[in-house]
């Protein structure tokens, strides 16, 4: 019985992700951090990286608002940007503590506002050694047929800058802790 439920869950999830991932284009950023993967994952797993980035990028991110949830799967998060007050809303659809992967589906704003039909943000913390890892940020997206000539793309720069902020924050707190 449990195997049947697991198989059914897997098939439903695969169909859902398959529908979302067909013909997705990808933008990826990777950054090495000299801190244990588990420490980086603690920051990325829930809402920590969003709040830290908002705190450090007040000229870019006006507000981070949790519309529902507590940072786990199903959490709906809205980022409002300065100065034009455009926004981006996403829902966390997967958080895998073992693989250190967090996936969010864009609901409104971002490239969805300029012609994309799908925007999937995948954050992965990849262990290299016991005290270093890679933060991999990936945006998968699909463009609506009528907008293909305009070639709309999501902007991965915010995720790249957030990774830099995480690196600086974690490496400096690691240095402070060892003194």
Protein backbone atom coordinates (compact mmCIF):
# COMPACT_ATOMS: atom_id res chain seq x y z
CA UNK A 1 0.00 0.00 0.00
CA UNK A 2 2.76 2.46 0.95
CA UNK A 3 4.62 1.67 -2.30
CA UNK A 4 1.44 2.39 -4.28
CA UNK A 5 0.94 5.73 -2.53
CA UNK A 6 4.60 6.63 -3.11
CA UNK A 7 4.36 5.65 -6.78
CA UNK A 8 1.16 7.63 -7.25
CA UNK A 9 2.70 10.67 -5.51
CA UNK A 10 5.78 10.37 -7.70
CA UNK A 11 3.71 10.13 -10.88
CA UNK A 12 1.54 13.11 -9.95
CA UNK A 13 4.62 15.18 -9.07
CA UNK A 14 6.41 14.07 -12.27
CA UNK A 15 3.43 15.03 -14.41
CA UNK A 16 3.18 18.39 -12.64
CA UNK A 17 6.89 19.10 -13.04
CA UNK A 18 6.91 17.70 -16.58
CA UNK A 19 4.19 20.12 -17.57
CA UNK A 20 6.12 22.91 -15.92
CA UNK A 21 9.53 21.98 -17.30
CA UNK A 22 8.76 21.31 -20.96
CA UNK A 23 11.14 23.26 -23.16
CA UNK A 24 12.37 25.44 -20.32
CA UNK A 25 15.33 27.71 -20.97
CA UNK A 26 17.74 28.17 -18.07
CA UNK A 27 19.85 30.91 -16.56
CA UNK A 28 22.30 29.66 -13.94
CA UNK A 29 24.72 31.26 -11.50
CA UNK A 30 27.21 29.42 -9.27
CA UNK A 31 29.27 30.78 -6.41
CA UNK A 32 31.74 28.96 -4.16
CA UNK A 33 31.42 29.67 -0.44
CA UNK A 34 34.06 28.69 2.12
CA UNK A 35 31.53 27.55 4.71
CA UNK A 36 29.99 24.13 5.35
CA UNK A 37 27.01 23.34 3.11
CA UNK A 38 24.82 22.73 6.18
CA UNK A 39 25.37 26.33 7.37
CA UNK A 40 24.55 27.76 3.95
CA UNK A 41 21.46 25.55 3.73
CA UNK A 42 20.26 26.90 7.11
CA UNK A 43 20.21 30.38 5.57
CA UNK A 44 18.60 29.31 2.28
CA UNK A 45 16.12 26.70 3.52
CA UNK A 46 13.34 28.98 4.76
CA UNK A 47 13.10 32.77 4.57
CA UNK A 48 16.58 33.74 5.80
CA UNK A 49 18.17 34.54 2.45
CA UNK A 50 15.15 36.62 1.34
CA UNK A 51 15.22 38.66 4.54
CA UNK A 52 19.02 39.07 4.51
CA UNK A 53 18.99 40.18 0.86
CA UNK A 54 16.17 42.66 1.55
CA UNK A 55 18.11 44.05 4.52
CA UNK A 56 21.31 44.44 2.47
CA UNK A 57 19.64 45.65 -0.75
CA UNK A 58 17.21 48.28 0.50
CA UNK A 59 17.77 50.32 -2.66
CA UNK A 60 16.55 47.32 -4.73
CA UNK A 61 14.10 45.41 -2.51
CA UNK A 62 11.52 47.62 -0.86
CA UNK A 63 9.68 44.87 1.01
CA UNK A 64 9.52 41.09 1.55
CA UNK A 65 6.07 39.92 2.55
CA UNK A 66 5.00 36.38 3.49
CA UNK A 67 1.47 36.09 2.09
CA UNK A 68 0.93 32.61 3.51
CA UNK A 69 2.95 29.87 5.16
CA UNK A 70 5.94 29.76 7.48
CA UNK A 71 8.82 29.30 5.04
CA UNK A 72 8.12 25.66 4.23
CA UNK A 73 6.56 24.08 1.15
CA UNK A 74 3.45 26.04 0.15
CA UNK A 75 4.77 29.37 1.45
CA UNK A 76 3.77 32.27 -0.78
CA UNK A 77 6.30 35.12 -0.80
CA UNK A 78 6.00 38.56 -2.38
CA UNK A 79 9.02 40.76 -3.11
CA UNK A 80 8.28 44.42 -3.86
CA UNK A 81 11.07 46.27 -5.64
CA UNK A 82 12.13 49.90 -5.37
CA UNK A 83 11.79 52.50 -6.80
CA UNK A 84 8.98 51.57 -9.21
CA UNK A 85 7.18 49.22 -6.79
CA UNK A 86 7.05 46.36 -9.29
CA UNK A 87 6.73 43.01 -7.54
CA UNK A 88 7.31 39.29 -7.88
CA UNK A 89 5.29 36.59 -6.10
CA UNK A 90 6.36 32.96 -5.79
CA UNK A 91 5.29 29.78 -4.00
CA UNK A 92 7.79 27.29 -2.55
CA UNK A 93 6.95 23.96 -4.20
CA UNK A 94 9.84 21.82 -2.98
CA UNK A 95 12.28 21.87 -0.08
CA UNK A 96 14.59 18.86 0.08
CA UNK A 97 16.80 18.89 3.18
CA UNK A 98 18.78 15.84 2.07
CA UNK A 99 19.69 17.25 -1.35
CA UNK A 100 19.70 20.87 -0.06
CA UNK A 101 17.38 22.00 -2.85
CA UNK A 102 14.63 24.60 -2.72
CA UNK A 103 12.29 25.20 -5.67
CA UNK A 104 9.82 28.04 -6.09
CA UNK A 105 7.29 28.62 -8.84
CA UNK A 106 6.71 32.19 -9.96
CA UNK A 107 3.05 33.24 -9.68
CA UNK A 108 3.09 36.93 -10.68
CA UNK A 109 5.63 39.50 -11.81
CA UNK A 110 9.19 38.82 -12.83
CA UNK A 111 9.44 37.48 -16.37
CA UNK A 112 5.79 36.39 -16.13
CA UNK A 113 4.89 40.08 -16.49
CA UNK A 114 6.86 40.43 -19.74
CA UNK A 115 5.84 37.34 -21.69
CA UNK A 116 7.00 34.19 -19.90
CA UNK A 117 4.46 31.47 -19.21
CA UNK A 118 6.52 29.70 -16.53
CA UNK A 119 9.24 30.76 -14.10
CA UNK A 120 10.81 28.17 -11.78
CA UNK A 121 13.57 29.22 -9.36
CA UNK A 122 15.80 26.41 -8.10
CA UNK A 123 18.36 27.00 -5.37
CA UNK A 124 20.82 24.22 -4.60
CA UNK A 125 23.65 24.02 -2.07
CA UNK A 126 26.30 21.59 -3.32
CA UNK A 127 28.88 20.31 -0.83
CA UNK A 128 32.46 20.37 -2.13
CA UNK A 129 34.42 19.71 1.07
CA UNK A 130 33.49 19.68 4.75
CA UNK A 131 33.98 23.45 4.86
CA UNK A 132 33.08 24.64 1.35
CA UNK A 133 30.17 24.43 -1.03
CA UNK A 134 28.63 25.96 -4.13
CA UNK A 135 25.45 27.99 -4.19
CA UNK A 136 23.77 27.18 -7.52
CA UNK A 137 20.90 29.46 -8.51
CA UNK A 138 18.88 28.48 -11.59
CA UNK A 139 15.86 30.06 -13.23
CA UNK A 140 13.96 27.86 -15.65
CA UNK A 141 11.50 29.70 -17.85
CA UNK A 142 9.32 29.33 -20.93
CA UNK A 143 8.23 32.13 -23.22
CA UNK A 144 4.70 32.49 -24.54
CA UNK A 145 4.66 32.00 -28.31
CA UNK A 146 3.37 35.50 -29.00
CA UNK A 147 6.30 37.04 -27.08
CA UNK A 148 9.14 34.91 -28.52
CA UNK A 149 10.26 37.69 -30.90
CA UNK A 150 10.84 39.97 -27.88
CA UNK A 151 12.97 37.26 -26.20
CA UNK A 152 11.91 38.06 -22.62
CA UNK A 153 14.19 36.67 -19.93
CA UNK A 154 14.13 36.63 -16.16
CA UNK A 155 16.92 38.49 -14.43
CA UNK A 156 19.24 36.18 -12.51
CA UNK A 157 21.25 39.13 -11.14
CA UNK A 158 19.21 39.38 -7.94
CA UNK A 159 19.89 35.71 -7.15
CA UNK A 160 23.59 36.18 -7.96
CA UNK A 161 23.81 39.22 -5.68
CA UNK A 162 21.89 37.37 -2.93
CA UNK A 163 24.47 34.55 -3.16
CA UNK A 164 27.28 37.13 -2.81
CA UNK A 165 25.54 38.60 0.25
CA UNK A 166 25.13 35.11 1.75
CA UNK A 167 28.81 34.37 1.10
CA UNK A 168 29.98 37.61 2.74
CA UNK A 169 27.62 37.16 5.71
CA UNK A 170 28.45 33.49 6.33
CA UNK A 171 32.20 33.73 5.73
CA UNK A 172 32.51 36.76 8.01
CA UNK A 173 30.45 35.11 10.76
CA UNK A 174 32.58 31.95 10.32
CA UNK A 175 35.74 34.04 10.80
CA UNK A 176 34.25 35.78 13.85
CA UNK A 177 33.25 32.45 15.38
CA UNK A 178 36.75 31.03 15.03
CA UNK A 179 38.47 34.00 16.72
